[in-house]
Amino acid sequence: MNLLNSPKHIRALGRQLKEERESQGHNLAILAGQCNLSVVQLTAIERGDTLSFARSQSNLLIAIQAYARVLGISLSDMKDLNNSLEDNIFIPEFLRKK
């Protein structure tokens, strides 16, 4: 499974990680220390913002894996990631094919 195949995929993954963190009631600052990342980097992952990891996409993947591991979840077990990509896309009527 290639986690970095598109910005949409990264945003969907970040949303799911944020939902999992919130459902477990974790504090971002404490998790950041456990992941050996900054709070800025964790919030960037949750937003799907890759600029904090601009030097290397592999660093983004490592950070995402560390975050998921600390939350106690496996990226391969994340629910319907591909379906969530389609559900969260809004296409205005004038841009839709007729």
PDB file of N, CA and C in Angstrom:
ATOM      1  N   MET A   1       0.845  -1.172   0.000  1.00  0.00           N
ATOM      2  CA  MET A   1       0.000   0.000   0.000  1.00  0.00           C
ATOM      3  C   MET A   1       0.892   1.238   0.000  1.00  0.00           C
ATOM      4  N   ASN A   2       0.789   2.056  -1.014  1.00  0.00           N
ATOM      5  CA  ASN A   2       1.570   3.281  -1.081  1.00  0.00           C
ATOM      6  C   ASN A   2       0.796   4.403  -0.421  1.00  0.00           C
ATOM      7  N   LEU A   3       1.266   4.844   0.736  1.00  0.00           N
ATOM      8  CA  LEU A   3       0.558   5.859   1.503  1.00  0.00           C
ATOM      9  C   LEU A   3       0.686   7.243   0.905  1.00  0.00           C
ATOM     10  N   LEU A   4       1.664   7.454   0.070  1.00  0.00           N
ATOM     11  CA  LEU A   4       1.936   8.796  -0.413  1.00  0.00           C
ATOM     12  C   LEU A   4       1.582   8.956  -1.877  1.00  0.00           C
ATOM     13  N   ASN A   5       0.564   8.250  -2.340  1.00  0.00           N
ATOM     14  CA  ASN A   5       0.284   8.297  -3.766  1.00  0.00           C
ATOM     15  C   ASN A   5      -0.465   9.545  -4.201  1.00  0.00           C
ATOM     16  N   SER A   6      -1.032  10.317  -3.280  1.00  0.00           N
ATOM     17  CA  SER A   6      -1.682  11.563  -3.658  1.00  0.00           C
ATOM     18  C   SER A   6      -1.920  12.425  -2.426  1.00  0.00           C
ATOM     19  N   PRO A   7      -2.032  13.737  -2.630  1.00  0.00           N
ATOM     20  CA  PRO A   7      -2.350  14.614  -1.492  1.00  0.00           C
ATOM     21  C   PRO A   7      -3.685  14.261  -0.841  1.00  0.00           C
ATOM     22  N   LYS A   8      -4.661  13.826  -1.649  1.00  0.00           N
ATOM     23  CA  LYS A   8      -5.963  13.432  -1.093  1.00  0.00           C
ATOM     24  C   LYS A   8      -5.807  12.254  -0.147  1.00  0.00           C
ATOM     25  N   HIS A   9      -4.971  11.324  -0.522  1.00  0.00           N
ATOM     26  CA  HIS A   9      -4.735  10.141   0.291  1.00  0.00           C
ATOM     27  C   HIS A   9      -4.102  10.539   1.625  1.00  0.00           C
ATOM     28  N   ILE A  10      -3.144  11.451   1.577  1.00  0.00           N
ATOM     29  CA  ILE A  10      -2.465  11.908   2.790  1.00  0.00           C
ATOM     30  C   ILE A  10      -3.451  12.646   3.695  1.00  0.00           C
ATOM     31  N   ARG A  11      -4.318  13.494   3.113  1.00  0.00           N
ATOM     32  CA  ARG A  11      -5.326  14.207   3.919  1.00  0.00           C
ATOM     33  C   ARG A  11      -6.291  13.234   4.584  1.00  0.00           C
ATOM     34  N   ALA A  12      -6.737  12.224   3.839  1.00  0.00           N
ATOM     35  CA  ALA A  12      -7.669  11.241   4.405  1.00  0.00           C
ATOM     36  C   ALA A  12      -7.000  10.459   5.531  1.00  0.00           C
ATOM     37  N   LEU A  13      -5.762  10.102   5.345  1.00  0.00           N
ATOM     38  CA  LEU A  13      -5.012   9.393   6.372  1.00  0.00           C
ATOM     39  C   LEU A  13      -4.862  10.269   7.613  1.00  0.00           C
ATOM     40  N   GLY A  14      -4.545  11.543   7.408  1.00  0.00           N
ATOM     41  CA  GLY A  14      -4.412  12.479   8.524  1.00  0.00           C
ATOM     42  C   GLY A  14      -5.708  12.649   9.295  1.00  0.00           C
ATOM     43  N   ARG A  15      -6.829  12.725   8.569  1.00  0.00           N
ATOM     44  CA  ARG A  15      -8.139  12.845   9.235  1.00  0.00           C
ATOM     45  C   ARG A  15      -8.416  11.626  10.107  1.00  0.00           C
ATOM     46  N   GLN A  16      -8.094  10.455   9.585  1.00  0.00           N
ATOM     47  CA  GLN A  16      -8.341   9.238  10.360  1.00  0.00           C
ATOM     48  C   GLN A  16      -7.441   9.166  11.585  1.00  0.00           C
ATOM     49  N   LEU A  17      -6.195   9.598  11.458  1.00  0.00           N
ATOM     50  CA  LEU A  17      -5.305   9.611  12.610  1.00  0.00           C
ATOM     51  C   LEU A  17      -5.816  10.589  13.667  1.00  0.00           C
ATOM     52  N   LYS A  18      -6.291  11.746  13.229  1.00  0.00           N
ATOM     53  CA  LYS A  18      -6.833  12.732  14.172  1.00  0.00           C
ATOM     54  C   LYS A  18      -8.070  12.181  14.877  1.00  0.00           C
ATOM     55  N   GLU A  19      -8.966  11.556  14.117  1.00  0.00           N
ATOM     56  CA  GLU A  19     -10.163  10.969  14.716  1.00  0.00           C
ATOM     57  C   GLU A  19      -9.790   9.910  15.749  1.00  0.00           C
ATOM     58  N   GLU A  20      -8.806   9.098  15.436  1.00  0.00           N
ATOM     59  CA  GLU A  20      -8.362   8.059  16.366  1.00  0.00           C
ATOM     60  C   GLU A  20      -7.761   8.684  17.623  1.00  0.00           C
ATOM     61  N   ARG A  21      -6.934   9.706  17.449  1.00  0.00           N
ATOM     62  CA  ARG A  21      -6.334  10.387  18.602  1.00  0.00           C
ATOM     63  C   ARG A  21      -7.411  10.975  19.504  1.00  0.00           C
ATOM     64  N   GLU A  22      -8.383  11.659  18.897  1.00  0.00           N
ATOM     65  CA  GLU A  22      -9.453  12.275  19.677  1.00  0.00           C
ATOM     66  C   GLU A  22     -10.319  11.226  20.365  1.00  0.00           C
ATOM     67  N   SER A  23     -10.583  10.115  19.686  1.00  0.00           N
ATOM     68  CA  SER A  23     -11.409   9.066  20.297  1.00  0.00           C
ATOM     69  C   SER A  23     -10.707   8.416  21.489  1.00  0.00           C
ATOM     70  N   GLN A  24      -9.372   8.399  21.456  1.00  0.00           N
ATOM     71  CA  GLN A  24      -8.606   7.843  22.568  1.00  0.00           C
ATOM     72  C   GLN A  24      -8.345   8.884  23.652  1.00  0.00           C
ATOM     73  N   GLY A  25      -8.638  10.158  23.373  1.00  0.00           N
ATOM     74  CA  GLY A  25      -8.474  11.221  24.355  1.00  0.00           C
ATOM     75  C   GLY A  25      -7.038  11.635  24.608  1.00  0.00           C
ATOM     76  N   HIS A  26      -6.188  11.505  23.601  1.00  0.00           N
ATOM     77  CA  HIS A  26      -4.774  11.844  23.771  1.00  0.00           C
ATOM     78  C   HIS A  26      -4.517  13.338  23.602  1.00  0.00           C
ATOM     79  N   ASN A  27      -3.489  13.825  24.293  1.00  0.00           N
ATOM     80  CA  ASN A  27      -3.014  15.190  24.203  1.00  0.00           C
ATOM     81  C   ASN A  27      -1.934  15.251  23.129  1.00  0.00           C
ATOM     82  N   LEU A  28      -2.015  16.252  22.244  1.00  0.00           N
ATOM     83  CA  LEU A  28      -1.051  16.367  21.150  1.00  0.00           C
ATOM     84  C   LEU A  28       0.384  16.525  21.643  1.00  0.00           C
ATOM     85  N   ALA A  29       0.587  17.326  22.678  1.00  0.00           N
ATOM     86  CA  ALA A  29       1.950  17.574  23.167  1.00  0.00           C
ATOM     87  C   ALA A  29       2.585  16.291  23.706  1.00  0.00           C
ATOM     88  N   ILE A  30       1.824  15.492  24.422  1.00  0.00           N
ATOM     89  CA  ILE A  30       2.349  14.236  24.967  1.00  0.00           C
ATOM     90  C   ILE A  30       2.638  13.258  23.833  1.00  0.00           C
ATOM     91  N   LEU A  31       1.723  13.155  22.877  1.00  0.00           N
ATOM     92  CA  LEU A  31       1.944  12.261  21.736  1.00  0.00           C
ATOM     93  C   LEU A  31       3.157  12.686  20.915  1.00  0.00           C
ATOM     94  N   ALA A  32       3.338  13.982  20.758  1.00  0.00           N
ATOM     95  CA  ALA A  32       4.487  14.472  19.993  1.00  0.00           C
ATOM     96  C   ALA A  32       5.791  13.985  20.617  1.00  0.00           C
ATOM     97  N   GLY A  33       5.868  14.051  21.928  1.00  0.00           N
ATOM     98  CA  GLY A  33       7.065  13.557  22.609  1.00  0.00           C
ATOM     99  C   GLY A  33       7.257  12.063  22.419  1.00  0.00           C
ATOM    100  N   GLN A  34       6.175  11.310  22.462  1.00  0.00           N
ATOM    101  CA  GLN A  34       6.258   9.867  22.283  1.00  0.00           C
ATOM    102  C   GLN A  34       6.641   9.484  20.857  1.00  0.00           C
ATOM    103  N   CYS A  35       6.259  10.316  19.889  1.00  0.00           N
ATOM    104  CA  CYS A  35       6.574  10.050  18.478  1.00  0.00           C
ATOM    105  C   CYS A  35       7.922  10.619  18.077  1.00  0.00           C
ATOM    106  N   ASN A  36       8.518  11.407  18.955  1.00  0.00           N
ATOM    107  CA  ASN A  36       9.755  12.115  18.648  1.00  0.00           C
ATOM    108  C   ASN A  36       9.561  13.088  17.490  1.00  0.00           C
ATOM    109  N   LEU A  37       8.393  13.742  17.480  1.00  0.00           N
ATOM    110  CA  LEU A  37       8.045  14.758  16.491  1.00  0.00           C
ATOM    111  C   LEU A  37       7.587  16.008  17.232  1.00  0.00           C
ATOM    112  N   SER A  38       7.456  17.096  16.512  1.00  0.00           N
ATOM    113  CA  SER A  38       6.931  18.311  17.126  1.00  0.00           C
ATOM    114  C   SER A  38       5.410  18.330  17.015  1.00  0.00           C
ATOM    115  N   VAL A  39       4.785  19.165  17.849  1.00  0.00           N
ATOM    116  CA  VAL A  39       3.331  19.338  17.768  1.00  0.00           C
ATOM    117  C   VAL A  39       2.971  19.884  16.390  1.00  0.00           C
ATOM    118  N   VAL A  40       3.792  20.763  15.856  1.00  0.00           N
ATOM    119  CA  VAL A  40       3.558  21.320  14.520  1.00  0.00           C
ATOM    120  C   VAL A  40       3.529  20.210  13.474  1.00  0.00           C
ATOM    121  N   GLN A  41       4.456  19.261  13.581  1.00  0.00           N
ATOM    122  CA  GLN A  41       4.485  18.155  12.617  1.00  0.00           C
ATOM    123  C   GLN A  41       3.259  17.260  12.764  1.00  0.00           C
ATOM    124  N   LEU A  42       2.836  16.977  13.999  1.00  0.00           N
ATOM    125  CA  LEU A  42       1.645  16.137  14.181  1.00  0.00           C
ATOM    126  C   LEU A  42       0.405  16.824  13.626  1.00  0.00           C
ATOM    127  N   THR A  43       0.253  18.113  13.889  1.00  0.00           N
ATOM    128  CA  THR A  43      -0.918  18.806  13.349  1.00  0.00           C
ATOM    129  C   THR A  43      -0.842  18.890  11.826  1.00  0.00           C
ATOM    130  N   ALA A  44       0.375  18.996  11.285  1.00  0.00           N
ATOM    131  CA  ALA A  44       0.533  18.990   9.824  1.00  0.00           C
ATOM    132  C   ALA A  44       0.090  17.647   9.246  1.00  0.00           C
ATOM    133  N   ILE A  45       0.443  16.556   9.917  1.00  0.00           N
ATOM    134  CA  ILE A  45       0.007  15.231   9.466  1.00  0.00           C
ATOM    135  C   ILE A  45      -1.516  15.152   9.504  1.00  0.00           C
ATOM    136  N   GLU A  46      -2.115  15.614  10.586  1.00  0.00           N
ATOM    137  CA  GLU A  46      -3.571  15.549  10.715  1.00  0.00           C
ATOM    138  C   GLU A  46      -4.285  16.391   9.657  1.00  0.00           C
ATOM    139  N   ARG A  47      -3.672  17.488   9.230  1.00  0.00           N
ATOM    140  CA  ARG A  47      -4.253  18.343   8.190  1.00  0.00           C
ATOM    141  C   ARG A  47      -3.922  17.859   6.784  1.00  0.00           C
ATOM    142  N   GLY A  48      -2.964  16.958   6.667  1.00  0.00           N
ATOM    143  CA  GLY A  48      -2.527  16.506   5.347  1.00  0.00           C
ATOM    144  C   GLY A  48      -1.594  17.504   4.695  1.00  0.00           C
ATOM    145  N   ASP A  49      -0.978  18.346   5.511  1.00  0.00           N
ATOM    146  CA  ASP A  49      -0.056  19.374   5.031  1.00  0.00           C
ATOM    147  C   ASP A  49       1.353  18.796   5.019  1.00  0.00           C
ATOM    148  N   THR A  50       1.920  18.655   3.848  1.00  0.00           N
ATOM    149  CA  THR A  50       3.226  18.009   3.718  1.00  0.00           C
ATOM    150  C   THR A  50       4.398  18.986   3.760  1.00  0.00           C
ATOM    151  N   LEU A  51       4.135  20.281   3.899  1.00  0.00           N
ATOM    152  CA  LEU A  51       5.221  21.269   3.871  1.00  0.00           C
ATOM    153  C   LEU A  51       6.213  21.096   5.021  1.00  0.00           C
ATOM    154  N   SER A  52       5.754  20.617   6.161  1.00  0.00           N
ATOM    155  CA  SER A  52       6.670  20.385   7.278  1.00  0.00           C
ATOM    156  C   SER A  52       7.661  19.270   6.973  1.00  0.00           C
ATOM    157  N   PHE A  53       7.359  18.500   5.957  1.00  0.00           N
ATOM    158  CA  PHE A  53       8.200  17.359   5.579  1.00  0.00           C
ATOM    159  C   PHE A  53       8.715  17.532   4.151  1.00  0.00           C
ATOM    160  N   ALA A  54       8.875  18.772   3.700  1.00  0.00           N
ATOM    161  CA  ALA A  54       9.165  19.060   2.295  1.00  0.00           C
ATOM    162  C   ALA A  54      10.498  18.503   1.811  1.00  0.00           C
ATOM    163  N   ARG A  55      11.453  18.325   2.706  1.00  0.00           N
ATOM    164  CA  ARG A  55      12.764  17.865   2.250  1.00  0.00           C
ATOM    165  C   ARG A  55      12.743  16.423   1.775  1.00  0.00           C
ATOM    166  N   SER A  56      11.892  15.593   2.364  1.00  0.00           N
ATOM    167  CA  SER A  56      11.889  14.186   1.977  1.00  0.00           C
ATOM    168  C   SER A  56      10.540  13.551   2.267  1.00  0.00           C
ATOM    169  N   GLN A  57       9.926  12.974   1.246  1.00  0.00           N
ATOM    170  CA  GLN A  57       8.656  12.285   1.433  1.00  0.00           C
ATOM    171  C   GLN A  57       8.810  11.058   2.320  1.00  0.00           C
ATOM    172  N   SER A  58      10.014  10.468   2.344  1.00  0.00           N
ATOM    173  CA  SER A  58      10.206   9.302   3.206  1.00  0.00           C
ATOM    174  C   SER A  58      10.118   9.710   4.674  1.00  0.00           C
ATOM    175  N   ASN A  59      10.531  10.941   5.007  1.00  0.00           N
ATOM    176  CA  ASN A  59      10.384  11.413   6.378  1.00  0.00           C
ATOM    177  C   ASN A  59       8.914  11.522   6.756  1.00  0.00           C
ATOM    178  N   LEU A  60       8.079  11.920   5.814  1.00  0.00           N
ATOM    179  CA  LEU A  60       6.641  11.985   6.065  1.00  0.00           C
ATOM    180  C   LEU A  60       6.096  10.595   6.367  1.00  0.00           C
ATOM    181  N   LEU A  61       6.478   9.629   5.573  1.00  0.00           N
ATOM    182  CA  LEU A  61       6.016   8.260   5.793  1.00  0.00           C
ATOM    183  C   LEU A  61       6.472   7.741   7.156  1.00  0.00           C
ATOM    184  N   ILE A  62       7.715   8.004   7.518  1.00  0.00           N
ATOM    185  CA  ILE A  62       8.233   7.568   8.820  1.00  0.00           C
ATOM    186  C   ILE A  62       7.446   8.236   9.946  1.00  0.00           C
ATOM    187  N   ALA A  63       7.156   9.530   9.801  1.00  0.00           N
ATOM    188  CA  ALA A  63       6.407  10.262  10.825  1.00  0.00           C
ATOM    189  C   ALA A  63       4.983   9.717  10.960  1.00  0.00           C
ATOM    190  N   ILE A  64       4.335   9.444   9.834  1.00  0.00           N
ATOM    191  CA  ILE A  64       2.975   8.893   9.862  1.00  0.00           C
ATOM    192  C   ILE A  64       2.972   7.522  10.534  1.00  0.00           C
ATOM    193  N   GLN A  65       3.951   6.700  10.201  1.00  0.00           N
ATOM    194  CA  GLN A  65       4.031   5.370  10.808  1.00  0.00           C
ATOM    195  C   GLN A  65       4.282   5.465  12.311  1.00  0.00           C
ATOM    196  N   ALA A  66       5.147   6.393  12.732  1.00  0.00           N
ATOM    197  CA  ALA A  66       5.425   6.569  14.158  1.00  0.00           C
ATOM    198  C   ALA A  66       4.169   7.028  14.887  1.00  0.00           C
ATOM    199  N   TYR A  67       3.446   7.944  14.296  1.00  0.00           N
ATOM    200  CA  TYR A  67       2.209   8.452  14.897  1.00  0.00           C
ATOM    201  C   TYR A  67       1.190   7.331  15.057  1.00  0.00           C
ATOM    202  N   ALA A  68       0.991   6.562  14.014  1.00  0.00           N
ATOM    203  CA  ALA A  68       0.038   5.449  14.073  1.00  0.00           C
ATOM    204  C   ALA A  68       0.467   4.411  15.108  1.00  0.00           C
ATOM    205  N   ARG A  69       1.751   4.112  15.168  1.00  0.00           N
ATOM    206  CA  ARG A  69       2.263   3.127  16.121  1.00  0.00           C
ATOM    207  C   ARG A  69       2.001   3.572  17.562  1.00  0.00           C
ATOM    208  N   VAL A  70       2.236   4.852  17.856  1.00  0.00           N
ATOM    209  CA  VAL A  70       2.001   5.367  19.209  1.00  0.00           C
ATOM    210  C   VAL A  70       0.510   5.308  19.547  1.00  0.00           C
ATOM    211  N   LEU A  71      -0.345   5.517  18.548  1.00  0.00           N
ATOM    212  CA  LEU A  71      -1.790   5.404  18.781  1.00  0.00           C
ATOM    213  C   LEU A  71      -2.237   3.950  18.912  1.00  0.00           C
ATOM    214  N   GLY A  72      -1.347   3.032  18.558  1.00  0.00           N
ATOM    215  CA  GLY A  72      -1.673   1.615  18.671  1.00  0.00           C
ATOM    216  C   GLY A  72      -2.490   1.089  17.516  1.00  0.00           C
ATOM    217  N   ILE A  73      -2.343   1.697  16.355  1.00  0.00           N
ATOM    218  CA  ILE A  73      -3.083   1.231  15.183  1.00  0.00           C
ATOM    219  C   ILE A  73      -2.112   0.909  14.061  1.00  0.00           C
ATOM    220  N   SER A  74      -2.558   0.053  13.168  1.00  0.00           N
ATOM    221  CA  SER A  74      -1.776  -0.318  12.001  1.00  0.00           C
ATOM    222  C   SER A  74      -2.347   0.418  10.799  1.00  0.00           C
ATOM    223  N   LEU A  75      -1.477   0.988  10.001  1.00  0.00           N
ATOM    224  CA  LEU A  75      -1.952   1.705   8.816  1.00  0.00           C
ATOM    225  C   LEU A  75      -2.698   0.782   7.861  1.00  0.00           C
ATOM    226  N   SER A  76      -2.303  -0.479   7.815  1.00  0.00           N
ATOM    227  CA  SER A  76      -2.982  -1.409   6.908  1.00  0.00           C
ATOM    228  C   SER A  76      -4.387  -1.751   7.402  1.00  0.00           C
ATOM    229  N   ASP A  77      -4.655  -1.521   8.696  1.00  0.00           N
ATOM    230  CA  ASP A  77      -5.977  -1.824   9.241  1.00  0.00           C
ATOM    231  C   ASP A  77      -6.923  -0.632   9.227  1.00  0.00           C
ATOM    232  N   MET A  78      -6.464   0.511   8.759  1.00  0.00           N
ATOM    233  CA  MET A  78      -7.314   1.698   8.794  1.00  0.00           C
ATOM    234  C   MET A  78      -8.517   1.501   7.886  1.00  0.00           C
ATOM    235  N   LYS A  79      -9.677   1.894   8.385  1.00  0.00           N
ATOM    236  CA  LYS A  79     -10.939   1.609   7.732  1.00  0.00           C
ATOM    237  C   LYS A  79     -11.183   2.404   6.460  1.00  0.00           C
ATOM    238  N   ASP A  80     -11.505   1.728   5.415  1.00  0.00           N
ATOM    239  CA  ASP A  80     -12.007   2.312   4.167  1.00  0.00           C
ATOM    240  C   ASP A  80     -11.319   3.605   3.772  1.00  0.00           C
ATOM    241  N   LEU A  81     -10.014   3.605   3.753  1.00  0.00           N
ATOM    242  CA  LEU A  81      -9.294   4.822   3.406  1.00  0.00           C
ATOM    243  C   LEU A  81      -9.627   5.271   1.992  1.00  0.00           C
ATOM    244  N   ASN A  82      -9.685   4.351   1.071  1.00  0.00           N
ATOM    245  CA  ASN A  82      -9.980   4.738  -0.308  1.00  0.00           C
ATOM    246  C   ASN A  82     -11.407   5.244  -0.459  1.00  0.00           C
ATOM    247  N   ASN A  83     -12.359   4.668   0.279  1.00  0.00           N
ATOM    248  CA  ASN A  83     -13.730   5.149   0.211  1.00  0.00           C
ATOM    249  C   ASN A  83     -13.857   6.545   0.774  1.00  0.00           C
ATOM    250  N   SER A  84     -13.111   6.855   1.832  1.00  0.00           N
ATOM    251  CA  SER A  84     -13.205   8.175   2.432  1.00  0.00           C
ATOM    252  C   SER A  84     -12.674   9.256   1.496  1.00  0.00           C
ATOM    253  N   LEU A  85     -11.797   8.880   0.574  1.00  0.00           N
ATOM    254  CA  LEU A  85     -11.304   9.856  -0.387  1.00  0.00           C
ATOM    255  C   LEU A  85     -12.441  10.372  -1.258  1.00  0.00           C
ATOM    256  N   GLU A  86     -13.273   9.485  -1.715  1.00  0.00           N
ATOM    257  CA  GLU A  86     -14.373   9.865  -2.594  1.00  0.00           C
ATOM    258  C   GLU A  86     -15.481  10.575  -1.833  1.00  0.00           C
ATOM    259  N   ASP A  87     -15.720  10.201  -0.587  1.00  0.00           N
ATOM    260  CA  ASP A  87     -16.805  10.781   0.192  1.00  0.00           C
ATOM    261  C   ASP A  87     -16.573  12.245   0.543  1.00  0.00           C
ATOM    262  N   ASN A  88     -15.334  12.670   0.647  1.00  0.00           N
ATOM    263  CA  ASN A  88     -15.027  14.014   1.107  1.00  0.00           C
ATOM    264  C   ASN A  88     -14.725  14.985  -0.019  1.00  0.00           C
ATOM    265  N   ILE A  89     -14.987  14.612  -1.235  1.00  0.00           N
ATOM    266  CA  ILE A  89     -14.707  15.488  -2.362  1.00  0.00           C
ATOM    267  C   ILE A  89     -16.003  16.137  -2.819  1.00  0.00           C
ATOM    268  N   PHE A  90     -16.010  17.462  -2.858  1.00  0.00           N
ATOM    269  CA  PHE A  90     -17.165  18.193  -3.356  1.00  0.00           C
ATOM    270  C   PHE A  90     -16.820  18.745  -4.730  1.00  0.00           C
ATOM    271  N   ILE A  91     -17.624  18.414  -5.705  1.00  0.00           N
ATOM    272  CA  ILE A  91     -17.428  18.933  -7.051  1.00  0.00           C
ATOM    273  C   ILE A  91     -18.639  19.796  -7.383  1.00  0.00           C
ATOM    274  N   PRO A  92     -18.411  21.090  -7.611  1.00  0.00           N
ATOM    275  CA  PRO A  92     -19.536  21.964  -7.955  1.00  0.00           C
ATOM    276  C   PRO A  92     -20.256  21.484  -9.217  1.00  0.00           C
ATOM    277  N   GLU A  93     -21.525  21.761  -9.285  1.00  0.00           N
ATOM    278  CA  GLU A  93     -22.350  21.291 -10.395  1.00  0.00           C
ATOM    279  C   GLU A  93     -21.784  21.699 -11.754  1.00  0.00           C
ATOM    280  N   PHE A  94     -21.296  22.945 -11.849  1.00  0.00           N
ATOM    281  CA  PHE A  94     -20.813  23.426 -13.142  1.00  0.00           C
ATOM    282  C   PHE A  94     -19.538  22.718 -13.610  1.00  0.00           C
ATOM    283  N   LEU A  95     -18.845  22.009 -12.712  1.00  0.00           N
ATOM    284  CA  LEU A  95     -17.635  21.288 -13.098  1.00  0.00           C
ATOM    285  C   LEU A  95     -17.897  19.817 -13.378  1.00  0.00           C
ATOM    286  N   ARG A  96     -19.077  19.352 -13.075  1.00  0.00           N
ATOM    287  CA  ARG A  96     -19.397  17.941 -13.287  1.00  0.00           C
ATOM    288  C   ARG A  96     -19.655  17.643 -14.752  1.00  0.00           C
ATOM    289  N   LYS A  97     -19.293  16.433 -15.158  1.00  0.00           N
ATOM    290  CA  LYS A  97     -19.549  16.005 -16.532  1.00  0.00           C
ATOM    291  C   LYS A  97     -21.033  15.806 -16.711  1.00  0.00           C
ATOM    292  N   LYS A  98     -21.511  16.131 -17.901  1.00  0.00           N
ATOM    293  CA  LYS A  98     -22.930  15.957 -18.194  1.00  0.00           C
ATOM    294  C   LYS A  98     -23.141  14.833 -19.149  1.00  0.00           C
TER     295      LYS A  98
END
